[in-house]
Amino acid sequence: MNTIPKIRPGDVLTMKKPHPCGNASFEVMRVGSDVRIVCLGCGRDVTVPRIKLEKSIKKIAPRKEEEE
């Protein structure tokens, strides 16, 4: 049984297939039934259904914790 990946705003996702601009890294902006991600190469904003996104994730880099 596969576990559900924990996706939070600020995480950087590496996808299995790259964006048409050539970059495969995206930053998560909003999480819900649809996930809003931004390409780190060209800045394109994409909203993807969560189920489709979970299948195409290769790696999740956790967000950088802000120091107080």
PDB file of N, CA and C in Angstrom:
ATOM      1  N   MET A   1       0.844  -1.186   0.000  1.00  0.00           N
ATOM      2  CA  MET A   1       0.000   0.000   0.000  1.00  0.00           C
ATOM      3  C   MET A   1       0.885   1.243   0.000  1.00  0.00           C
ATOM      4  N   ASN A   2       0.621   2.150  -0.905  1.00  0.00           N
ATOM      5  CA  ASN A   2       1.413   3.373  -1.001  1.00  0.00           C
ATOM      6  C   ASN A   2       0.948   4.390   0.027  1.00  0.00           C
ATOM      7  N   THR A   3       1.883   5.162   0.537  1.00  0.00           N
ATOM      8  CA  THR A   3       1.532   6.217   1.473  1.00  0.00           C
ATOM      9  C   THR A   3       1.228   7.495   0.706  1.00  0.00           C
ATOM     10  N   ILE A   4       0.403   8.324   1.286  1.00  0.00           N
ATOM     11  CA  ILE A   4       0.045   9.589   0.660  1.00  0.00           C
ATOM     12  C   ILE A   4       1.157  10.587   0.954  1.00  0.00           C
ATOM     13  N   PRO A   5       1.753  11.204  -0.084  1.00  0.00           N
ATOM     14  CA  PRO A   5       2.829  12.151   0.174  1.00  0.00           C
ATOM     15  C   PRO A   5       2.314  13.404   0.883  1.00  0.00           C
ATOM     16  N   LYS A   6       3.103  13.899   1.817  1.00  0.00           N
ATOM     17  CA  LYS A   6       2.756  15.129   2.534  1.00  0.00           C
ATOM     18  C   LYS A   6       3.286  16.310   1.723  1.00  0.00           C
ATOM     19  N   ILE A   7       2.372  17.080   1.165  1.00  0.00           N
ATOM     20  CA  ILE A   7       2.733  18.241   0.352  1.00  0.00           C
ATOM     21  C   ILE A   7       2.281  19.482   1.104  1.00  0.00           C
ATOM     22  N   ARG A   8       3.215  20.424   1.314  1.00  0.00           N
ATOM     23  CA  ARG A   8       2.895  21.661   2.028  1.00  0.00           C
ATOM     24  C   ARG A   8       3.346  22.854   1.195  1.00  0.00           C
ATOM     25  N   PRO A   9       2.710  24.003   1.369  1.00  0.00           N
ATOM     26  CA  PRO A   9       3.168  25.197   0.652  1.00  0.00           C
ATOM     27  C   PRO A   9       4.631  25.484   0.974  1.00  0.00           C
ATOM     28  N   GLY A  10       5.404  25.799  -0.047  1.00  0.00           N
ATOM     29  CA  GLY A  10       6.827  26.069   0.117  1.00  0.00           C
ATOM     30  C   GLY A  10       7.709  24.899  -0.269  1.00  0.00           C
ATOM     31  N   ASP A  11       7.144  23.684  -0.347  1.00  0.00           N
ATOM     32  CA  ASP A  11       7.919  22.511  -0.762  1.00  0.00           C
ATOM     33  C   ASP A  11       8.318  22.650  -2.231  1.00  0.00           C
ATOM     34  N   VAL A  12       9.464  22.063  -2.579  1.00  0.00           N
ATOM     35  CA  VAL A  12       9.911  22.045  -3.979  1.00  0.00           C
ATOM     36  C   VAL A  12       9.768  20.619  -4.487  1.00  0.00           C
ATOM     37  N   LEU A  13       8.986  20.449  -5.547  1.00  0.00           N
ATOM     38  CA  LEU A  13       8.726  19.135  -6.126  1.00  0.00           C
ATOM     39  C   LEU A  13       9.577  18.932  -7.368  1.00  0.00           C
ATOM     40  N   THR A  14      10.173  17.763  -7.482  1.00  0.00           N
ATOM     41  CA  THR A  14      10.864  17.365  -8.709  1.00  0.00           C
ATOM     42  C   THR A  14       9.938  16.369  -9.394  1.00  0.00           C
ATOM     43  N   MET A  15       9.568  16.677 -10.626  1.00  0.00           N
ATOM     44  CA  MET A  15       8.610  15.863 -11.355  1.00  0.00           C
ATOM     45  C   MET A  15       9.320  14.826 -12.233  1.00  0.00           C
ATOM     46  N   LYS A  16       8.580  13.772 -12.618  1.00  0.00           N
ATOM     47  CA  LYS A  16       9.124  12.736 -13.494  1.00  0.00           C
ATOM     48  C   LYS A  16       9.393  13.284 -14.890  1.00  0.00           C
ATOM     49  N   LYS A  17       8.486  14.130 -15.384  1.00  0.00           N
ATOM     50  CA  LYS A  17       8.652  14.733 -16.713  1.00  0.00           C
ATOM     51  C   LYS A  17       8.840  16.233 -16.541  1.00  0.00           C
ATOM     52  N   PRO A  18       9.752  16.836 -17.313  1.00  0.00           N
ATOM     53  CA  PRO A  18       9.975  18.280 -17.173  1.00  0.00           C
ATOM     54  C   PRO A  18       8.865  19.117 -17.806  1.00  0.00           C
ATOM     55  N   HIS A  19       8.801  20.352 -17.384  1.00  0.00           N
ATOM     56  CA  HIS A  19       7.904  21.354 -17.953  1.00  0.00           C
ATOM     57  C   HIS A  19       8.405  21.654 -19.375  1.00  0.00           C
ATOM     58  N   PRO A  20       7.585  22.141 -20.285  1.00  0.00           N
ATOM     59  CA  PRO A  20       8.046  22.450 -21.639  1.00  0.00           C
ATOM     60  C   PRO A  20       9.255  23.397 -21.705  1.00  0.00           C
ATOM     61  N   CYS A  21       9.480  24.184 -20.648  1.00  0.00           N
ATOM     62  CA  CYS A  21      10.643  25.080 -20.641  1.00  0.00           C
ATOM     63  C   CYS A  21      11.937  24.311 -20.359  1.00  0.00           C
ATOM     64  N   GLY A  22      11.829  23.043 -19.921  1.00  0.00           N
ATOM     65  CA  GLY A  22      13.001  22.219 -19.671  1.00  0.00           C
ATOM     66  C   GLY A  22      13.301  21.974 -18.205  1.00  0.00           C
ATOM     67  N   ASN A  23      12.655  22.704 -17.308  1.00  0.00           N
ATOM     68  CA  ASN A  23      12.898  22.554 -15.878  1.00  0.00           C
ATOM     69  C   ASN A  23      11.909  21.556 -15.272  1.00  0.00           C
ATOM     70  N   ALA A  24      12.353  20.736 -14.325  1.00  0.00           N
ATOM     71  CA  ALA A  24      11.481  19.742 -13.701  1.00  0.00           C
ATOM     72  C   ALA A  24      11.173  20.074 -12.243  1.00  0.00           C
ATOM     73  N   SER A  25      11.563  21.267 -11.761  1.00  0.00           N
ATOM     74  CA  SER A  25      11.337  21.660 -10.365  1.00  0.00           C
ATOM     75  C   SER A  25      10.201  22.674 -10.269  1.00  0.00           C
ATOM     76  N   PHE A  26       9.324  22.444  -9.303  1.00  0.00           N
ATOM     77  CA  PHE A  26       8.179  23.322  -9.077  1.00  0.00           C
ATOM     78  C   PHE A  26       8.045  23.613  -7.591  1.00  0.00           C
ATOM     79  N   GLU A  27       7.610  24.827  -7.250  1.00  0.00           N
ATOM     80  CA  GLU A  27       7.356  25.188  -5.859  1.00  0.00           C
ATOM     81  C   GLU A  27       5.857  25.158  -5.612  1.00  0.00           C
ATOM     82  N   VAL A  28       5.447  24.575  -4.484  1.00  0.00           N
ATOM     83  CA  VAL A  28       4.033  24.482  -4.121  1.00  0.00           C
ATOM     84  C   VAL A  28       3.585  25.813  -3.530  1.00  0.00           C
ATOM     85  N   MET A  29       2.497  26.363  -4.065  1.00  0.00           N
ATOM     86  CA  MET A  29       1.957  27.622  -3.559  1.00  0.00           C
ATOM     87  C   MET A  29       0.697  27.409  -2.712  1.00  0.00           C
ATOM     88  N   ARG A  30      -0.172  26.473  -3.149  1.00  0.00           N
ATOM     89  CA  ARG A  30      -1.432  26.239  -2.451  1.00  0.00           C
ATOM     90  C   ARG A  30      -1.745  24.753  -2.503  1.00  0.00           C
ATOM     91  N   VAL A  31      -2.315  24.237  -1.411  1.00  0.00           N
ATOM     92  CA  VAL A  31      -2.641  22.817  -1.336  1.00  0.00           C
ATOM     93  C   VAL A  31      -4.122  22.670  -1.016  1.00  0.00           C
ATOM     94  N   GLY A  32      -4.757  21.727  -1.679  1.00  0.00           N
ATOM     95  CA  GLY A  32      -6.166  21.411  -1.464  1.00  0.00           C
ATOM     96  C   GLY A  32      -6.507  20.240  -2.355  1.00  0.00           C
ATOM     97  N   SER A  33      -7.748  20.175  -2.842  1.00  0.00           N
ATOM     98  CA  SER A  33      -8.078  19.115  -3.791  1.00  0.00           C
ATOM     99  C   SER A  33      -7.350  19.356  -5.112  1.00  0.00           C
ATOM    100  N   ASP A  34      -7.071  20.633  -5.397  1.00  0.00           N
ATOM    101  CA  ASP A  34      -6.192  21.029  -6.495  1.00  0.00           C
ATOM    102  C   ASP A  34      -4.953  21.649  -5.869  1.00  0.00           C
ATOM    103  N   VAL A  35      -3.794  21.428  -6.484  1.00  0.00           N
ATOM    104  CA  VAL A  35      -2.543  21.970  -5.960  1.00  0.00           C
ATOM    105  C   VAL A  35      -2.012  22.991  -6.953  1.00  0.00           C
ATOM    106  N   ARG A  36      -1.674  24.178  -6.463  1.00  0.00           N
ATOM    107  CA  ARG A  36      -1.126  25.229  -7.316  1.00  0.00           C
ATOM    108  C   ARG A  36       0.389  25.196  -7.191  1.00  0.00           C
ATOM    109  N   ILE A  37       1.076  25.029  -8.321  1.00  0.00           N
ATOM    110  CA  ILE A  37       2.527  24.975  -8.341  1.00  0.00           C
ATOM    111  C   ILE A  37       3.057  26.007  -9.328  1.00  0.00           C
ATOM    112  N   VAL A  38       4.299  26.448  -9.096  1.00  0.00           N
ATOM    113  CA  VAL A  38       4.945  27.433  -9.964  1.00  0.00           C
ATOM    114  C   VAL A  38       6.258  26.839 -10.457  1.00  0.00           C
ATOM    115  N   CYS A  39       6.482  26.877 -11.761  1.00  0.00           N
ATOM    116  CA  CYS A  39       7.719  26.382 -12.359  1.00  0.00           C
ATOM    117  C   CYS A  39       8.871  27.272 -11.911  1.00  0.00           C
ATOM    118  N   LEU A  40       9.954  26.660 -11.433  1.00  0.00           N
ATOM    119  CA  LEU A  40      11.104  27.436 -10.982  1.00  0.00           C
ATOM    120  C   LEU A  40      11.987  27.872 -12.148  1.00  0.00           C
ATOM    121  N   GLY A  41      11.695  27.391 -13.351  1.00  0.00           N
ATOM    122  CA  GLY A  41      12.465  27.790 -14.528  1.00  0.00           C
ATOM    123  C   GLY A  41      11.899  29.038 -15.187  1.00  0.00           C
ATOM    124  N   CYS A  42      10.606  28.991 -15.541  1.00  0.00           N
ATOM    125  CA  CYS A  42      10.016  30.100 -16.297  1.00  0.00           C
ATOM    126  C   CYS A  42       9.000  30.907 -15.493  1.00  0.00           C
ATOM    127  N   GLY A  43       8.592  30.403 -14.315  1.00  0.00           N
ATOM    128  CA  GLY A  43       7.652  31.144 -13.483  1.00  0.00           C
ATOM    129  C   GLY A  43       6.190  30.890 -13.806  1.00  0.00           C
ATOM    130  N   ARG A  44       5.908  29.938 -14.691  1.00  0.00           N
ATOM    131  CA  ARG A  44       4.530  29.631 -15.069  1.00  0.00           C
ATOM    132  C   ARG A  44       3.777  29.056 -13.881  1.00  0.00           C
ATOM    133  N   ASP A  45       2.545  29.504 -13.695  1.00  0.00           N
ATOM    134  CA  ASP A  45       1.674  29.089 -12.604  1.00  0.00           C
ATOM    135  C   ASP A  45       0.733  28.006 -13.130  1.00  0.00           C
ATOM    136  N   VAL A  46       0.696  26.831 -12.479  1.00  0.00           N
ATOM    137  CA  VAL A  46      -0.121  25.711 -12.940  1.00  0.00           C
ATOM    138  C   VAL A  46      -0.950  25.185 -11.770  1.00  0.00           C
ATOM    139  N   THR A  47      -2.233  24.933 -12.011  1.00  0.00           N
ATOM    140  CA  THR A  47      -3.086  24.292 -11.022  1.00  0.00           C
ATOM    141  C   THR A  47      -3.387  22.882 -11.519  1.00  0.00           C
ATOM    142  N   VAL A  48      -3.053  21.884 -10.681  1.00  0.00           N
ATOM    143  CA  VAL A  48      -3.152  20.483 -11.066  1.00  0.00           C
ATOM    144  C   VAL A  48      -4.003  19.737 -10.038  1.00  0.00           C
ATOM    145  N   PRO A  49      -4.898  18.831 -10.480  1.00  0.00           N
ATOM    146  CA  PRO A  49      -5.621  18.003  -9.510  1.00  0.00           C
ATOM    147  C   PRO A  49      -4.635  17.201  -8.659  1.00  0.00           C
ATOM    148  N   ARG A  50      -4.886  17.109  -7.363  1.00  0.00           N
ATOM    149  CA  ARG A  50      -3.955  16.475  -6.423  1.00  0.00           C
ATOM    150  C   ARG A  50      -3.611  15.039  -6.814  1.00  0.00           C
ATOM    151  N   ILE A  51      -4.587  14.257  -7.248  1.00  0.00           N
ATOM    152  CA  ILE A  51      -4.351  12.850  -7.599  1.00  0.00           C
ATOM    153  C   ILE A  51      -3.376  12.753  -8.772  1.00  0.00           C
ATOM    154  N   LYS A  52      -3.559  13.584  -9.799  1.00  0.00           N
ATOM    155  CA  LYS A  52      -2.660  13.576 -10.953  1.00  0.00           C
ATOM    156  C   LYS A  52      -1.254  14.020 -10.553  1.00  0.00           C
ATOM    157  N   LEU A  53      -1.165  15.022  -9.684  1.00  0.00           N
ATOM    158  CA  LEU A  53       0.136  15.520  -9.242  1.00  0.00           C
ATOM    159  C   LEU A  53       0.895  14.460  -8.443  1.00  0.00           C
ATOM    160  N   GLU A  54       0.205  13.763  -7.537  1.00  0.00           N
ATOM    161  CA  GLU A  54       0.855  12.744  -6.700  1.00  0.00           C
ATOM    162  C   GLU A  54       1.480  11.635  -7.534  1.00  0.00           C
ATOM    163  N   LYS A  55       0.871  11.305  -8.659  1.00  0.00           N
ATOM    164  CA  LYS A  55       1.404  10.257  -9.535  1.00  0.00           C
ATOM    165  C   LYS A  55       2.652  10.710 -10.294  1.00  0.00           C
ATOM    166  N   SER A  56       2.799  12.024 -10.499  1.00  0.00           N
ATOM    167  CA  SER A  56       3.910  12.511 -11.312  1.00  0.00           C
ATOM    168  C   SER A  56       5.092  13.049 -10.497  1.00  0.00           C
ATOM    169  N   ILE A  57       5.040  12.948  -9.164  1.00  0.00           N
ATOM    170  CA  ILE A  57       6.134  13.435  -8.319  1.00  0.00           C
ATOM    171  C   ILE A  57       7.251  12.399  -8.255  1.00  0.00           C
ATOM    172  N   LYS A  58       8.470  12.864  -8.455  1.00  0.00           N
ATOM    173  CA  LYS A  58       9.651  12.007  -8.328  1.00  0.00           C
ATOM    174  C   LYS A  58      10.273  12.178  -6.940  1.00  0.00           C
ATOM    175  N   LYS A  59      10.345  13.441  -6.469  1.00  0.00           N
ATOM    176  CA  LYS A  59      10.989  13.731  -5.196  1.00  0.00           C
ATOM    177  C   LYS A  59      10.377  14.982  -4.591  1.00  0.00           C
ATOM    178  N   ILE A  60      10.272  15.024  -3.249  1.00  0.00           N
ATOM    179  CA  ILE A  60       9.776  16.194  -2.537  1.00  0.00           C
ATOM    180  C   ILE A  60      10.900  16.729  -1.654  1.00  0.00           C
ATOM    181  N   ALA A  61      11.301  17.973  -1.881  1.00  0.00           N
ATOM    182  CA  ALA A  61      12.284  18.635  -1.012  1.00  0.00           C
ATOM    183  C   ALA A  61      11.502  19.498  -0.043  1.00  0.00           C
ATOM    184  N   PRO A  62      11.610  19.231   1.272  1.00  0.00           N
ATOM    185  CA  PRO A  62      10.831  20.010   2.235  1.00  0.00           C
ATOM    186  C   PRO A  62      11.203  21.477   2.209  1.00  0.00           C
ATOM    187  N   ARG A  63      10.229  22.289   2.602  1.00  0.00           N
ATOM    188  CA  ARG A  63      10.467  23.738   2.617  1.00  0.00           C
ATOM    189  C   ARG A  63      11.549  24.094   3.614  1.00  0.00           C
ATOM    190  N   LYS A  64      12.178  25.209   3.363  1.00  0.00           N
ATOM    191  CA  LYS A  64      13.224  25.680   4.264  1.00  0.00           C
ATOM    192  C   LYS A  64      12.551  26.335   5.463  1.00  0.00           C
ATOM    193  N   GLU A  65      12.907  25.884   6.644  1.00  0.00           N
ATOM    194  CA  GLU A  65      12.349  26.448   7.866  1.00  0.00           C
ATOM    195  C   GLU A  65      12.949  27.832   8.079  1.00  0.00           C
ATOM    196  N   GLU A  66      12.063  28.773   8.349  1.00  0.00           N
ATOM    197  CA  GLU A  66      12.532  30.146   8.586  1.00  0.00           C
ATOM    198  C   GLU A  66      13.063  30.248  10.005  1.00  0.00           C
ATOM    199  N   GLU A  67      14.218  30.860  10.138  1.00  0.00           N
ATOM    200  CA  GLU A  67      14.812  31.045  11.450  1.00  0.00           C
ATOM    201  C   GLU A  67      14.260  32.299  12.076  1.00  0.00           C
ATOM    202  N   GLU A  68      13.982  32.223  13.373  1.00  0.00           N
ATOM    203  CA  GLU A  68      13.410  33.380  14.070  1.00  0.00           C
ATOM    204  C   GLU A  68      14.456  34.195  14.748  1.00  0.00           C
TER     205      GLU A  68
END
